[in-house]
Amino acid sequence: MRCTSCSAGYYSGAGAGRCTACPLGTYSNASGATTCTACPTNREGDVTATSLTGSVGSTAAAQCVCAAAAPRADFPFGYYGRAGEPCYYCQNDRAWHGGY
């Protein structure tokens, strides 16, 4: 048996013996990854939230998009931002799109 590197979008820990797709909210942009990179976190508002990927096995930060935050009293309008970049809190129900 010979070893091969995992493709981009997958990772394998030392001695794991198989490749696993990067989970939602993470990506791997190079072959041979031992971990996946987390999508960017929000810049303001709920800074513990991260942007998400549309599927497992993502290969680039550009596949990370702002998560639709569950409305709550202090962050009722959600988030906006370019794919692959941190998300910003919408100050009102009309998000500033600035070319997005």
Protein backbone atom coordinates (compact mmCIF):
# COMPACT_ATOMS: atom_id res chain seq x y z
CA MET A 1 0.00 0.00 0.00
CA ARG A 2 1.34 3.43 -0.81
CA CYS A 3 0.39 6.76 0.68
CA THR A 4 -1.22 9.50 -1.37
CA SER A 5 -2.06 13.08 -0.46
CA CYS A 6 -5.65 14.13 0.06
CA SER A 7 -7.02 16.47 -2.60
CA ALA A 8 -7.97 20.07 -1.88
CA GLY A 9 -11.24 20.13 0.05
CA TYR A 10 -10.18 17.10 2.09
CA TYR A 11 -7.85 16.43 5.03
CA SER A 12 -6.33 13.51 6.85
CA GLY A 13 -4.84 13.47 10.33
CA ALA A 14 -1.59 11.65 10.99
CA GLY A 15 -2.14 7.91 10.76
CA ALA A 16 -5.82 8.30 9.81
CA GLY A 17 -5.42 6.26 6.65
CA ARG A 18 -8.20 7.99 4.72
CA CYS A 19 -9.25 11.40 3.50
CA THR A 20 -12.24 13.22 5.00
CA ALA A 21 -14.15 16.07 3.36
CA CYS A 22 -13.75 19.40 5.13
CA PRO A 23 -16.96 20.01 7.13
CA LEU A 24 -19.37 22.90 6.58
CA GLY A 25 -17.82 26.23 7.53
CA THR A 26 -14.28 25.11 6.64
CA TYR A 27 -12.13 24.64 3.53
CA SER A 28 -8.78 23.26 2.39
CA ASN A 29 -7.16 24.94 -0.60
CA ALA A 30 -4.18 22.61 -1.04
CA SER A 31 -3.59 18.90 -1.33
CA GLY A 32 -2.03 17.08 1.61
CA ALA A 33 -3.85 19.08 4.32
CA THR A 34 -3.89 17.69 7.85
CA THR A 35 -6.63 20.11 8.97
CA CYS A 36 -9.21 22.39 7.37
CA THR A 37 -9.26 26.17 7.74
CA ALA A 38 -12.29 27.80 9.35
CA CYS A 39 -14.25 30.38 7.36
CA PRO A 40 -13.87 34.00 8.56
CA THR A 41 -15.77 35.08 11.65
CA ASN A 42 -18.15 38.03 11.72
CA ARG A 43 -16.45 41.40 12.22
CA GLU A 44 -19.22 42.93 14.32
CA GLY A 45 -22.38 41.87 16.04
CA ASP A 46 -22.19 38.18 16.90
CA VAL A 47 -18.42 37.80 16.51
CA THR A 48 -18.56 34.15 17.53
CA ALA A 49 -20.45 33.27 14.33
CA THR A 50 -18.56 32.27 11.20
CA SER A 51 -19.52 32.38 7.58
CA LEU A 52 -20.53 29.04 6.08
CA THR A 53 -19.81 26.97 3.01
CA GLY A 54 -22.61 25.61 0.86
CA SER A 55 -21.33 22.05 1.03
CA VAL A 56 -18.66 19.86 2.58
CA GLY A 57 -15.34 19.56 0.75
CA SER A 58 -14.92 23.27 -0.03
CA THR A 59 -11.63 24.26 -1.61
CA ALA A 60 -11.38 28.04 -1.15
CA ALA A 61 -12.19 30.88 1.25
CA ALA A 62 -14.29 32.37 -1.57
CA GLN A 63 -16.78 29.55 -0.96
CA CYS A 64 -17.46 30.96 2.53
CA VAL A 65 -20.56 33.17 2.60
CA CYS A 66 -22.21 35.16 5.37
CA ALA A 67 -24.45 33.05 7.53
CA ALA A 68 -28.05 34.13 7.83
CA ALA A 69 -28.03 34.92 11.52
CA ALA A 70 -31.11 33.99 13.46
CA PRO A 71 -32.88 37.26 14.30
CA ARG A 72 -32.62 38.30 17.91
CA ALA A 73 -33.23 41.56 19.75
CA ASP A 74 -29.66 42.87 19.50
CA PHE A 75 -28.94 41.62 15.91
CA PRO A 76 -32.28 41.61 14.10
CA PHE A 77 -31.12 42.33 10.53
CA GLY A 78 -28.45 39.72 9.77
CA TYR A 79 -25.06 40.15 8.08
CA TYR A 80 -23.57 41.10 4.73
CA GLY A 81 -20.16 40.81 3.07
CA ARG A 82 -18.22 39.52 0.11
CA ALA A 83 -17.66 35.79 -0.20
CA GLY A 84 -14.49 34.74 1.61
CA GLU A 85 -14.33 37.88 3.76
CA PRO A 86 -15.56 38.63 7.29
CA CYS A 87 -19.23 39.53 7.59
CA TYR A 88 -20.59 42.83 8.91
CA TYR A 89 -23.74 43.43 10.94
CA CYS A 90 -26.58 45.15 9.08
CA GLN A 91 -27.56 48.30 10.95
CA ASN A 92 -31.11 48.30 9.54
CA ASP A 93 -33.33 46.26 7.25
CA ARG A 94 -31.68 47.76 4.17
CA ALA A 95 -28.21 46.28 4.02
CA TRP A 96 -25.56 48.46 2.44
CA HIS A 97 -24.48 46.45 -0.56
CA GLY A 98 -21.61 48.61 -1.79
CA GLY A 99 -21.24 46.60 -4.98
CA TYR A 100 -22.03 43.19 -3.50
